[in-house]
Amino acid sequence: MLPLVVRMERAAPPGRTDALETAARAVLVLLSDERAAGAGEWARAVHDWQDSRIRKVVRRARGAEWRRAAALPGITVTGREAEVRVFPPVPLDGWPKDLARLQVSGTELDDPQAPGEPAADAPVLWLNPELEMSAGKAMAQAGHGAQLAWWALSAADRDAWRAAGFPLAVRTAEPSAWAALTGSGLPVVRDAGFTEIAPGSCTVVADHPALRGAALPSAR
């Protein structure tokens, strides 16, 4: 599974949407890193993980916990206020001790104000309006959506997205638009059902401008 750690200092937690967007970008940054491809030091772990379930687990850290996590091999990605560190995939029973001791539960975040409309040309990860997910669960699902979009893009479109710094937005879809989104041919995340929601639930639609109008199947 892919570990992600969100920094949650007691006095200054990040906004929920900022954390979701930063987690999604962190997944893309890892996938596009030279260490994750070819003969890179993370390539085998990333290949084996992508060849199975692309499971992600989000944990939280602050203070000394965060500093210990930041010292491990990985990449820290920053948003407006959020900081998320992504690590190369690890076996279910092979977590580094400084990550294994971090808490999964309690990753609850709020937005100080409602997020605005995304730019018309921005990739958008649309969340299912009918599901309630903790911030940690939603971060993992946004990461799945970003990864499915990455897989579906051409090499040229991947390069362009990376060069731009992986701009994206995470928003909750309008209930009236959800059915159309899931039937649009865009990549759809279907949850395996390990935590919080029922197996097979559609959680995210990955709406990248380069994929609009393409006939792409749903994916797990």
Protein backbone atom coordinates (compact mmCIF):
# COMPACT_ATOMS: atom_id res chain seq x y z
CA MET A 1 0.00 0.00 0.00
CA LEU A 2 0.99 3.62 -0.46
CA PRO A 3 1.52 5.54 2.80
CA LEU A 4 0.58 9.21 2.95
CA VAL A 5 1.05 11.32 6.07
CA VAL A 6 -0.73 14.64 6.52
CA ARG A 7 0.72 17.20 8.90
CA MET A 8 -1.88 18.19 11.47
CA GLU A 9 -0.48 20.58 14.02
CA ARG A 10 -2.92 21.13 16.84
CA ALA A 11 -2.99 24.92 16.51
CA ALA A 12 -3.07 25.13 12.72
CA PRO A 13 -4.68 22.19 10.91
CA PRO A 14 -5.06 22.56 7.14
CA GLY A 15 -8.40 23.06 5.43
CA ARG A 16 -10.12 19.90 4.21
CA THR A 17 -10.15 20.74 0.50
CA ASP A 18 -6.53 21.90 0.60
CA ALA A 19 -5.53 18.60 2.23
CA LEU A 20 -7.46 16.55 -0.35
CA GLU A 21 -5.92 18.42 -3.26
CA THR A 22 -2.43 18.19 -1.78
CA ALA A 23 -2.78 14.43 -1.23
CA ALA A 24 -3.88 13.95 -4.84
CA ARG A 25 -0.93 15.97 -6.09
CA ALA A 26 1.42 14.00 -3.83
CA VAL A 27 0.39 10.76 -5.54
CA LEU A 28 1.08 12.31 -8.94
CA VAL A 29 4.44 13.66 -7.82
CA LEU A 30 5.50 10.20 -6.67
CA LEU A 31 4.28 8.48 -9.84
CA SER A 32 6.21 10.94 -12.01
CA ASP A 33 9.40 10.87 -9.93
CA GLU A 34 12.44 9.38 -11.63
CA ARG A 35 12.99 7.10 -8.63
CA ALA A 36 9.64 5.42 -9.37
CA ALA A 37 10.47 4.51 -12.99
CA GLY A 38 12.98 2.49 -14.94
CA ALA A 39 15.87 1.42 -12.72
CA GLY A 40 14.95 3.88 -9.98
CA GLU A 41 15.27 2.86 -6.35
CA TRP A 42 11.48 2.86 -5.85
CA ALA A 43 10.58 1.40 -9.24
CA ARG A 44 10.08 -2.23 -8.18
CA ALA A 45 7.91 -1.30 -5.21
CA VAL A 46 5.82 1.08 -7.32
CA HIS A 47 5.45 -1.48 -10.12
CA ASP A 48 4.35 -4.25 -7.77
CA TRP A 49 1.88 -1.94 -6.04
CA GLN A 50 0.36 -0.67 -9.28
CA ASP A 51 0.08 -4.24 -10.53
CA SER A 52 -2.20 -5.06 -7.60
CA ARG A 53 -4.73 -2.92 -5.71
CA ILE A 54 -3.63 0.69 -5.56
CA ARG A 55 -4.48 0.86 -1.88
CA LYS A 56 -3.53 4.04 0.00
CA VAL A 57 -3.55 4.71 3.73
CA VAL A 58 -3.50 8.23 5.17
CA ARG A 59 -2.12 8.83 8.65
CA ARG A 60 -1.63 12.03 10.61
CA ALA A 61 1.37 13.46 12.41
CA ARG A 62 2.44 16.58 14.25
CA GLY A 63 5.50 17.88 16.02
CA ALA A 64 8.18 15.26 16.59
CA GLU A 65 6.06 12.64 14.81
CA TRP A 66 6.09 14.75 11.66
CA ARG A 67 9.84 15.38 11.90
CA ARG A 68 10.52 11.65 12.20
CA ALA A 69 8.26 10.89 9.24
CA ALA A 70 9.92 13.64 7.19
CA ALA A 71 13.31 12.01 7.78
CA LEU A 72 12.23 8.81 6.00
CA PRO A 73 12.62 8.41 2.21
CA GLY A 74 9.68 10.11 0.54
CA ILE A 75 8.45 13.40 -0.90
CA THR A 76 6.72 16.26 0.90
CA VAL A 77 4.16 18.16 -1.16
CA THR A 78 2.71 21.44 0.02
CA GLY A 79 -0.58 23.11 -0.75
CA ARG A 80 -1.84 26.47 0.41
CA GLU A 81 -1.42 25.37 4.02
CA ALA A 82 -1.45 21.58 3.87
CA GLU A 83 1.66 19.42 3.93
CA VAL A 84 1.46 15.80 2.83
CA ARG A 85 4.39 13.42 2.67
CA VAL A 86 4.12 10.44 0.35
CA PHE A 87 6.33 7.39 0.68
CA PRO A 88 7.19 4.53 -1.68
CA PRO A 89 4.76 1.61 -1.35
CA VAL A 90 5.27 -0.83 1.52
CA PRO A 91 3.89 -4.31 2.31
CA LEU A 92 0.88 -4.43 4.60
CA ASP A 93 3.05 -5.83 7.41
CA GLY A 94 6.21 -3.92 6.52
CA TRP A 95 5.59 -0.33 7.59
CA PRO A 96 8.59 1.60 8.97
CA LYS A 97 8.09 1.90 12.73
CA ASP A 98 7.92 5.70 12.64
CA LEU A 99 4.94 5.44 10.25
CA ALA A 100 3.32 2.37 11.81
CA ARG A 101 2.87 4.17 15.13
CA LEU A 102 0.97 7.08 13.57
CA GLN A 103 -2.79 7.28 13.98
CA VAL A 104 -5.24 6.71 11.12
CA SER A 105 -8.40 7.76 12.94
CA GLY A 106 -9.08 11.34 13.91
CA THR A 107 -8.15 12.82 10.55
CA GLU A 108 -11.08 15.24 10.60
CA LEU A 109 -10.78 18.57 8.84
CA ASP A 110 -13.09 21.40 7.86
CA ASP A 111 -12.92 24.15 5.29
CA PRO A 112 -12.78 27.63 6.80
CA GLN A 113 -14.94 28.73 3.87
CA ALA A 114 -16.62 27.00 0.96
CA PRO A 115 -14.21 26.31 -1.91
CA GLY A 116 -14.90 28.33 -5.03
CA GLU A 117 -15.71 27.08 -8.49
CA PRO A 118 -12.75 25.37 -10.17
CA ALA A 119 -11.29 26.94 -13.27
CA ALA A 120 -12.94 25.74 -16.47
CA ASP A 121 -9.69 24.20 -17.75
CA ALA A 122 -8.63 22.62 -14.44
CA PRO A 123 -8.65 18.87 -13.84
CA VAL A 124 -11.34 18.18 -11.22
CA LEU A 125 -11.70 15.17 -8.97
CA TRP A 126 -15.44 15.00 -8.29
CA LEU A 127 -16.47 13.38 -5.00
CA ASN A 128 -19.67 11.40 -4.68
CA PRO A 129 -22.22 13.72 -3.00
CA GLU A 130 -24.09 10.76 -1.51
CA LEU A 131 -21.18 9.41 0.56
CA GLU A 132 -19.84 10.67 3.86
CA MET A 133 -16.11 10.08 4.24
CA SER A 134 -13.58 11.17 6.83
CA ALA A 135 -10.91 13.54 5.58
CA GLY A 136 -8.36 10.72 5.58
CA LYS A 137 -10.60 8.45 3.55
CA ALA A 138 -11.42 11.24 1.10
CA MET A 139 -7.71 12.04 0.72
CA ALA A 140 -7.02 8.43 -0.25
CA GLN A 141 -9.92 8.44 -2.72
CA ALA A 142 -8.75 11.70 -4.30
CA GLY A 143 -5.34 10.07 -4.69
CA HIS A 144 -6.96 7.12 -6.45
CA GLY A 145 -8.76 9.48 -8.81
CA ALA A 146 -5.58 11.35 -9.66
CA GLN A 147 -3.81 8.06 -10.34
CA LEU A 148 -6.55 6.79 -12.67
CA ALA A 149 -6.39 10.06 -14.59
CA TRP A 150 -2.60 9.74 -14.84
CA TRP A 151 -2.89 6.21 -16.22
CA ALA A 152 -5.47 7.29 -18.81
CA LEU A 153 -3.49 10.25 -20.18
CA SER A 154 -1.12 10.16 -23.11
CA ALA A 155 2.60 10.68 -22.46
CA ALA A 156 2.36 14.20 -23.88
CA ASP A 157 -0.57 15.09 -21.63
CA ARG A 158 1.25 13.65 -18.61
CA ASP A 159 4.30 15.75 -19.39
CA ALA A 160 2.18 18.88 -19.75
CA TRP A 161 0.40 18.25 -16.45
CA ARG A 162 3.67 17.65 -14.65
CA ALA A 163 5.30 20.75 -16.17
CA ALA A 164 2.38 22.84 -14.92
CA GLY A 165 2.87 21.53 -11.38
CA PHE A 166 -0.14 19.17 -11.39
CA PRO A 167 -2.90 21.75 -10.97
CA LEU A 168 -6.17 20.17 -9.91
CA ALA A 169 -9.27 20.76 -7.83
CA VAL A 170 -11.27 18.45 -5.57
CA ARG A 171 -14.94 19.26 -5.28
CA THR A 172 -18.14 17.49 -4.27
CA ALA A 173 -20.38 17.01 -7.28
CA GLU A 174 -23.90 18.32 -7.37
CA PRO A 175 -26.30 15.41 -6.76
CA SER A 176 -28.07 16.16 -10.04
CA ALA A 177 -24.77 15.85 -11.95
CA TRP A 178 -23.38 12.69 -10.36
CA ALA A 179 -25.14 10.15 -12.58
CA ALA A 180 -23.98 11.96 -15.71
CA LEU A 181 -20.41 12.10 -14.43
CA THR A 182 -20.27 8.38 -13.64
CA GLY A 183 -21.68 7.59 -17.07
CA SER A 184 -19.49 10.00 -18.99
CA GLY A 185 -16.64 7.61 -19.76
CA LEU A 186 -14.24 9.41 -17.44
CA PRO A 187 -12.22 7.28 -14.96
CA VAL A 188 -14.28 6.24 -11.94
CA VAL A 189 -12.92 5.07 -8.59
CA ARG A 190 -14.80 2.13 -7.08
CA ASP A 191 -13.84 1.51 -3.49
CA ALA A 192 -12.74 -1.94 -2.35
CA GLY A 193 -14.71 -1.55 0.87
CA PHE A 194 -11.91 -2.03 3.40
CA THR A 195 -13.02 0.97 5.48
CA GLU A 196 -15.99 3.30 5.99
CA ILE A 197 -18.06 2.60 2.86
CA ALA A 198 -19.58 -0.37 1.05
CA PRO A 199 -17.51 -2.35 -1.48
CA GLY A 200 -18.01 -1.19 -5.04
CA SER A 201 -19.12 2.33 -4.08
CA CYS A 202 -18.25 4.94 -6.70
CA THR A 203 -16.28 7.57 -4.81
CA VAL A 204 -14.55 9.82 -7.35
CA VAL A 205 -14.79 10.73 -11.01
CA ALA A 206 -11.52 12.01 -12.49
CA ASP A 207 -12.39 14.82 -14.88
CA HIS A 208 -9.23 15.87 -16.73
CA PRO A 209 -9.74 18.17 -19.73
CA ALA A 210 -7.65 15.88 -21.94
CA LEU A 211 -9.98 12.98 -21.17
CA ARG A 212 -13.32 14.70 -21.70
CA GLY A 213 -15.20 13.02 -24.50
CA ALA A 214 -12.97 9.92 -24.46
CA ALA A 215 -14.68 6.56 -24.05
CA LEU A 216 -12.84 5.24 -21.03
CA PRO A 217 -14.08 2.39 -18.83
CA SER A 218 -14.62 2.59 -15.12
CA ALA A 219 -11.67 1.33 -13.08
CA ARG A 220 -11.01 0.00 -9.62
